[in-house]
Amino acid sequence: MESKDVEQYLQDLGDELEAREFKEPVRILIVGGVYMLLMVKNRKSTEDVDVVLMDMEDTTNKTPQTRAFQAAVRAVASKHRLKRTWMNDDVAYFIRDMAPEPDASLWRKYKKLHVYLPAQEYILALKLMVFRLKDLNDVEALRNQLGVTTREQAQAIIDRFIPDKRWQEEYLLDETLDELF
């Protein structure tokens, strides 16, 4: 998916939510590759749209609201011949426990879909915590935009969003920072 595609799909999802008579807007926080695509602009495409549902349970909890949201997502997938998982909240479980305070701000409104963005520092903290080789370009782009040149600066950002040292130990953060700095 390219940037223009993602924005069209978000618009279509907002339309679909309105057609399904959602009373309140669904607020989503975008993270991962789609954030990098839309905000950092260091890549040309992304495979999916990773989100955190801000006002409802993650979709593993089959509430009427999450089922209706998933049905709207599937309708957009069908319309555009996308994978059913084009938008997913798989990352939500991890983020809600580990880094629950993203300092999010409203980016765009698509009728009944309101899209929020976390601070770039938040995305860098997440990328460093779950570092995979495929994240290297994203980490480098974020470091450059944020002016993060030292391990101490990176650690301070992580401590701001993920202060629980147990998470940092579990995800071997020291080894990641040793590799990168």
C-alpha atoms as a PDB file:
ATOM      1  CA  MET A   1       0.000   0.000   0.000  1.00  0.00           C
ATOM      2  CA  GLU A   2       1.245   3.426  -0.909  1.00  0.00           C
ATOM      3  CA  SER A   3       0.422   6.616   0.966  1.00  0.00           C
ATOM      4  CA  LYS A   4      -2.427   7.650  -1.348  1.00  0.00           C
ATOM      5  CA  ASP A   5      -3.917   4.159  -1.080  1.00  0.00           C
ATOM      6  CA  VAL A   6      -3.828   4.205   2.718  1.00  0.00           C
ATOM      7  CA  GLU A   7      -5.587   7.557   2.825  1.00  0.00           C
ATOM      8  CA  GLN A   8      -8.280   6.286   0.444  1.00  0.00           C
ATOM      9  CA  TYR A   9      -8.810   3.178   2.557  1.00  0.00           C
ATOM     10  CA  LEU A  10      -9.096   5.293   5.706  1.00  0.00           C
ATOM     11  CA  GLN A  11     -11.659   7.505   3.989  1.00  0.00           C
ATOM     12  CA  ASP A  12     -13.606   4.444   2.883  1.00  0.00           C
ATOM     13  CA  LEU A  13     -13.468   3.021   6.395  1.00  0.00           C
ATOM     14  CA  GLY A  14     -14.844   6.296   7.783  1.00  0.00           C
ATOM     15  CA  ASP A  15     -17.671   6.111   5.236  1.00  0.00           C
ATOM     16  CA  GLU A  16     -18.334   2.484   6.136  1.00  0.00           C
ATOM     17  CA  LEU A  17     -18.462   3.257   9.867  1.00  0.00           C
ATOM     18  CA  GLU A  18     -20.937   6.042   9.203  1.00  0.00           C
ATOM     19  CA  ALA A  19     -23.054   3.759   7.008  1.00  0.00           C
ATOM     20  CA  ARG A  20     -23.106   1.249   9.867  1.00  0.00           C
ATOM     21  CA  GLU A  21     -24.460   3.998  12.091  1.00  0.00           C
ATOM     22  CA  PHE A  22     -21.640   4.220  14.585  1.00  0.00           C
ATOM     23  CA  LYS A  23     -22.824   6.880  16.999  1.00  0.00           C
ATOM     24  CA  GLU A  24     -19.385   7.999  18.158  1.00  0.00           C
ATOM     25  CA  PRO A  25     -16.272   8.254  16.007  1.00  0.00           C
ATOM     26  CA  VAL A  26     -13.877   5.336  16.225  1.00  0.00           C
ATOM     27  CA  ARG A  27     -10.524   6.699  17.348  1.00  0.00           C
ATOM     28  CA  ILE A  28      -7.464   4.822  16.135  1.00  0.00           C
ATOM     29  CA  LEU A  29      -3.795   5.363  16.811  1.00  0.00           C
ATOM     30  CA  ILE A  30      -1.579   4.466  13.867  1.00  0.00           C
ATOM     31  CA  VAL A  31       1.827   2.944  14.527  1.00  0.00           C
ATOM     32  CA  GLY A  32       4.406   0.828  12.744  1.00  0.00           C
ATOM     33  CA  GLY A  33       5.140   0.928   9.047  1.00  0.00           C
ATOM     34  CA  VAL A  34       2.111   3.017   8.145  1.00  0.00           C
ATOM     35  CA  TYR A  35       3.317   5.717  10.539  1.00  0.00           C
ATOM     36  CA  MET A  36       6.708   5.630   8.846  1.00  0.00           C
ATOM     37  CA  LEU A  37       5.078   5.831   5.418  1.00  0.00           C
ATOM     38  CA  LEU A  38       2.736   8.721   6.202  1.00  0.00           C
ATOM     39  CA  MET A  39       4.736  10.786   8.684  1.00  0.00           C
ATOM     40  CA  VAL A  40       8.427  10.043   8.300  1.00  0.00           C
ATOM     41  CA  LYS A  41       8.170   9.334   4.568  1.00  0.00           C
ATOM     42  CA  ASN A  42      11.202   7.054   4.541  1.00  0.00           C
ATOM     43  CA  ARG A  43       9.458   4.292   2.619  1.00  0.00           C
ATOM     44  CA  LYS A  44       7.254   4.003  -0.441  1.00  0.00           C
ATOM     45  CA  SER A  45       4.783   1.451   0.890  1.00  0.00           C
ATOM     46  CA  THR A  46       3.616  -0.683   3.777  1.00  0.00           C
ATOM     47  CA  GLU A  47       2.021  -4.115   3.916  1.00  0.00           C
ATOM     48  CA  ASP A  48      -0.685  -3.229   6.419  1.00  0.00           C
ATOM     49  CA  VAL A  49      -2.059  -0.571   8.727  1.00  0.00           C
ATOM     50  CA  ASP A  50      -1.178  -1.249  12.364  1.00  0.00           C
ATOM     51  CA  VAL A  51      -3.531   0.471  14.781  1.00  0.00           C
ATOM     52  CA  VAL A  52      -4.531   0.653  18.410  1.00  0.00           C
ATOM     53  CA  LEU A  53      -8.237   1.138  19.010  1.00  0.00           C
ATOM     54  CA  MET A  54      -8.283   3.978  21.496  1.00  0.00           C
ATOM     55  CA  ASP A  55     -11.823   3.718  22.898  1.00  0.00           C
ATOM     56  CA  MET A  56     -12.670   0.056  22.635  1.00  0.00           C
ATOM     57  CA  GLU A  57     -11.267  -3.321  23.450  1.00  0.00           C
ATOM     58  CA  ASP A  58      -8.819  -4.836  21.029  1.00  0.00           C
ATOM     59  CA  THR A  59     -10.504  -7.073  18.485  1.00  0.00           C
ATOM     60  CA  THR A  60      -9.520 -10.273  20.281  1.00  0.00           C
ATOM     61  CA  ASN A  61     -12.383  -9.328  22.623  1.00  0.00           C
ATOM     62  CA  LYS A  62     -15.452  -9.994  20.516  1.00  0.00           C
ATOM     63  CA  THR A  63     -17.779  -7.270  21.677  1.00  0.00           C
ATOM     64  CA  PRO A  64     -20.603  -6.012  19.448  1.00  0.00           C
ATOM     65  CA  GLN A  65     -18.587  -2.857  18.836  1.00  0.00           C
ATOM     66  CA  THR A  66     -15.357  -4.643  17.865  1.00  0.00           C
ATOM     67  CA  ARG A  67     -17.316  -7.024  15.620  1.00  0.00           C
ATOM     68  CA  ALA A  68     -18.970  -4.093  13.858  1.00  0.00           C
ATOM     69  CA  PHE A  69     -15.600  -2.397  13.442  1.00  0.00           C
ATOM     70  CA  GLN A  70     -14.068  -5.570  12.005  1.00  0.00           C
ATOM     71  CA  ALA A  71     -17.009  -5.928   9.601  1.00  0.00           C
ATOM     72  CA  ALA A  72     -16.367  -2.381   8.355  1.00  0.00           C
ATOM     73  CA  VAL A  73     -12.663  -3.165   7.887  1.00  0.00           C
ATOM     74  CA  ARG A  74     -13.575  -6.313   5.936  1.00  0.00           C
ATOM     75  CA  ALA A  75     -15.982  -4.319   3.741  1.00  0.00           C
ATOM     76  CA  VAL A  76     -13.127  -1.988   2.760  1.00  0.00           C
ATOM     77  CA  ALA A  77     -10.921  -5.011   2.114  1.00  0.00           C
ATOM     78  CA  SER A  78     -13.565  -6.492  -0.154  1.00  0.00           C
ATOM     79  CA  LYS A  79     -14.106  -3.220  -2.031  1.00  0.00           C
ATOM     80  CA  HIS A  80     -10.388  -2.819  -2.772  1.00  0.00           C
ATOM     81  CA  ARG A  81      -9.436  -6.511  -2.976  1.00  0.00           C
ATOM     82  CA  LEU A  82      -7.150  -6.257   0.045  1.00  0.00           C
ATOM     83  CA  LYS A  83      -6.143  -8.858   2.571  1.00  0.00           C
ATOM     84  CA  ARG A  84      -8.691  -9.076   5.363  1.00  0.00           C
ATOM     85  CA  THR A  85      -5.897  -8.031   7.697  1.00  0.00           C
ATOM     86  CA  TRP A  86      -5.062  -4.832   5.778  1.00  0.00           C
ATOM     87  CA  MET A  87      -5.843  -3.050   9.037  1.00  0.00           C
ATOM     88  CA  ASN A  88      -5.163  -4.872  12.258  1.00  0.00           C
ATOM     89  CA  ASP A  89      -4.688  -4.202  15.923  1.00  0.00           C
ATOM     90  CA  ASP A  90      -2.375  -7.132  16.645  1.00  0.00           C
ATOM     91  CA  VAL A  91       0.133  -4.713  18.151  1.00  0.00           C
ATOM     92  CA  ALA A  92      -2.436  -3.294  20.599  1.00  0.00           C
ATOM     93  CA  TYR A  93      -2.025  -5.966  23.250  1.00  0.00           C
ATOM     94  CA  PHE A  94       1.702  -5.349  23.376  1.00  0.00           C
ATOM     95  CA  ILE A  95       1.471  -1.544  23.290  1.00  0.00           C
ATOM     96  CA  ARG A  96      -1.285  -1.208  25.874  1.00  0.00           C
ATOM     97  CA  ASP A  97       0.716  -3.134  28.437  1.00  0.00           C
ATOM     98  CA  MET A  98       4.178  -1.862  27.642  1.00  0.00           C
ATOM     99  CA  ALA A  99       3.720   1.729  26.451  1.00  0.00           C
ATOM    100  CA  PRO A 100       0.212   2.937  27.272  1.00  0.00           C
ATOM    101  CA  GLU A 101       0.836   6.725  27.104  1.00  0.00           C
ATOM    102  CA  PRO A 102       1.576   7.740  23.511  1.00  0.00           C
ATOM    103  CA  ASP A 103       0.912  11.520  23.709  1.00  0.00           C
ATOM    104  CA  ALA A 104      -1.370  11.173  20.693  1.00  0.00           C
ATOM    105  CA  SER A 105      -2.744  14.023  18.639  1.00  0.00           C
ATOM    106  CA  LEU A 106      -5.537  14.082  16.085  1.00  0.00           C
ATOM    107  CA  TRP A 107      -4.203  13.872  12.538  1.00  0.00           C
ATOM    108  CA  ARG A 108      -7.293  13.454  10.336  1.00  0.00           C
ATOM    109  CA  LYS A 109     -11.031  12.944  10.560  1.00  0.00           C
ATOM    110  CA  TYR A 110     -12.721  10.655   8.058  1.00  0.00           C
ATOM    111  CA  LYS A 111     -16.372  10.953   9.078  1.00  0.00           C
ATOM    112  CA  LYS A 112     -16.730   8.364  11.867  1.00  0.00           C
ATOM    113  CA  LEU A 113     -13.030   7.466  11.819  1.00  0.00           C
ATOM    114  CA  HIS A 114     -10.635   9.746  13.701  1.00  0.00           C
ATOM    115  CA  VAL A 115      -6.966   8.986  13.172  1.00  0.00           C
ATOM    116  CA  TYR A 116      -4.436   9.871  15.854  1.00  0.00           C
ATOM    117  CA  LEU A 117      -0.664   9.960  15.742  1.00  0.00           C
ATOM    118  CA  PRO A 118       1.793   9.442  18.563  1.00  0.00           C
ATOM    119  CA  ALA A 119       4.953  11.498  18.886  1.00  0.00           C
ATOM    120  CA  GLN A 120       7.890  10.363  16.758  1.00  0.00           C
ATOM    121  CA  GLU A 121       9.781   9.615  19.966  1.00  0.00           C
ATOM    122  CA  TYR A 122       7.091   7.099  20.890  1.00  0.00           C
ATOM    123  CA  ILE A 123       7.505   5.277  17.580  1.00  0.00           C
ATOM    124  CA  LEU A 124      11.280   5.261  18.033  1.00  0.00           C
ATOM    125  CA  ALA A 125      10.893   3.808  21.529  1.00  0.00           C
ATOM    126  CA  LEU A 126       8.658   1.016  20.202  1.00  0.00           C
ATOM    127  CA  LYS A 127      10.963   0.285  17.260  1.00  0.00           C
ATOM    128  CA  LEU A 128      13.965   0.062  19.568  1.00  0.00           C
ATOM    129  CA  MET A 129      12.163  -2.189  22.029  1.00  0.00           C
ATOM    130  CA  VAL A 130      11.125  -4.777  19.454  1.00  0.00           C
ATOM    131  CA  PHE A 131      14.078  -4.190  17.167  1.00  0.00           C
ATOM    132  CA  ARG A 132      14.275  -6.426  14.128  1.00  0.00           C
ATOM    133  CA  LEU A 133      16.738  -6.081  11.289  1.00  0.00           C
ATOM    134  CA  LYS A 134      13.897  -5.010   8.997  1.00  0.00           C
ATOM    135  CA  ASP A 135      13.345  -2.017  11.341  1.00  0.00           C
ATOM    136  CA  LEU A 136      16.860  -0.660  10.858  1.00  0.00           C
ATOM    137  CA  ASN A 137      15.906   1.870   8.138  1.00  0.00           C
ATOM    138  CA  ASP A 138      12.962   3.080  10.231  1.00  0.00           C
ATOM    139  CA  VAL A 139      15.134   3.468  13.337  1.00  0.00           C
ATOM    140  CA  GLU A 140      17.794   5.346  11.365  1.00  0.00           C
ATOM    141  CA  ALA A 141      15.207   7.679   9.807  1.00  0.00           C
ATOM    142  CA  LEU A 142      13.654   8.435  13.194  1.00  0.00           C
ATOM    143  CA  ARG A 143      17.051   8.951  14.813  1.00  0.00           C
ATOM    144  CA  ASN A 144      18.008  11.402  12.064  1.00  0.00           C
ATOM    145  CA  GLN A 145      14.756  13.363  12.266  1.00  0.00           C
ATOM    146  CA  LEU A 146      14.920  13.510  16.061  1.00  0.00           C
ATOM    147  CA  GLY A 147      18.656  14.190  16.279  1.00  0.00           C
ATOM    148  CA  VAL A 148      19.283  11.109  18.430  1.00  0.00           C
ATOM    149  CA  THR A 149      22.998  10.406  18.180  1.00  0.00           C
ATOM    150  CA  THR A 150      23.837   8.782  21.510  1.00  0.00           C
ATOM    151  CA  ARG A 151      22.773   5.763  23.464  1.00  0.00           C
ATOM    152  CA  GLU A 152      21.873   8.053  26.362  1.00  0.00           C
ATOM    153  CA  GLN A 153      19.452  10.036  24.223  1.00  0.00           C
ATOM    154  CA  ALA A 154      17.805   6.826  22.983  1.00  0.00           C
ATOM    155  CA  GLN A 155      17.566   5.454  26.535  1.00  0.00           C
ATOM    156  CA  ALA A 156      15.945   8.690  27.754  1.00  0.00           C
ATOM    157  CA  ILE A 157      13.268   8.419  25.049  1.00  0.00           C
ATOM    158  CA  ILE A 158      12.585   4.803  25.911  1.00  0.00           C
ATOM    159  CA  ASP A 159      12.443   5.583  29.637  1.00  0.00           C
ATOM    160  CA  ARG A 160       9.877   8.312  28.930  1.00  0.00           C
ATOM    161  CA  PHE A 161       7.436   5.951  27.218  1.00  0.00           C
ATOM    162  CA  ILE A 162       8.413   2.548  28.626  1.00  0.00           C
ATOM    163  CA  PRO A 163       9.644   3.238  32.162  1.00  0.00           C
ATOM    164  CA  ASP A 164       9.161  -0.317  33.418  1.00  0.00           C
ATOM    165  CA  LYS A 165      12.661  -1.821  33.330  1.00  0.00           C
ATOM    166  CA  ARG A 166      11.210  -5.346  33.244  1.00  0.00           C
ATOM    167  CA  TRP A 167       9.978  -4.703  29.687  1.00  0.00           C
ATOM    168  CA  GLN A 168      13.377  -3.357  28.714  1.00  0.00           C
ATOM    169  CA  GLU A 169      15.064  -6.453  30.113  1.00  0.00           C
ATOM    170  CA  GLU A 170      12.562  -8.851  28.542  1.00  0.00           C
ATOM    171  CA  TYR A 171      13.087  -7.331  25.109  1.00  0.00           C
ATOM    172  CA  LEU A 172      16.884  -7.248  25.500  1.00  0.00           C
ATOM    173  CA  LEU A 173      17.049  -3.498  25.043  1.00  0.00           C
ATOM    174  CA  ASP A 174      20.665  -3.251  26.248  1.00  0.00           C
ATOM    175  CA  GLU A 175      21.779  -5.597  23.446  1.00  0.00           C
ATOM    176  CA  THR A 176      19.864  -3.556  20.865  1.00  0.00           C
ATOM    177  CA  LEU A 177      21.376  -0.297  22.060  1.00  0.00           C
ATOM    178  CA  ASP A 178      24.859  -1.896  22.126  1.00  0.00           C
ATOM    179  CA  GLU A 179      24.375  -2.884  18.484  1.00  0.00           C
ATOM    180  CA  LEU A 180      23.095   0.484  17.339  1.00  0.00           C
ATOM    181  CA  PHE A 181      25.360   2.797  19.322  1.00  0.00           C
END
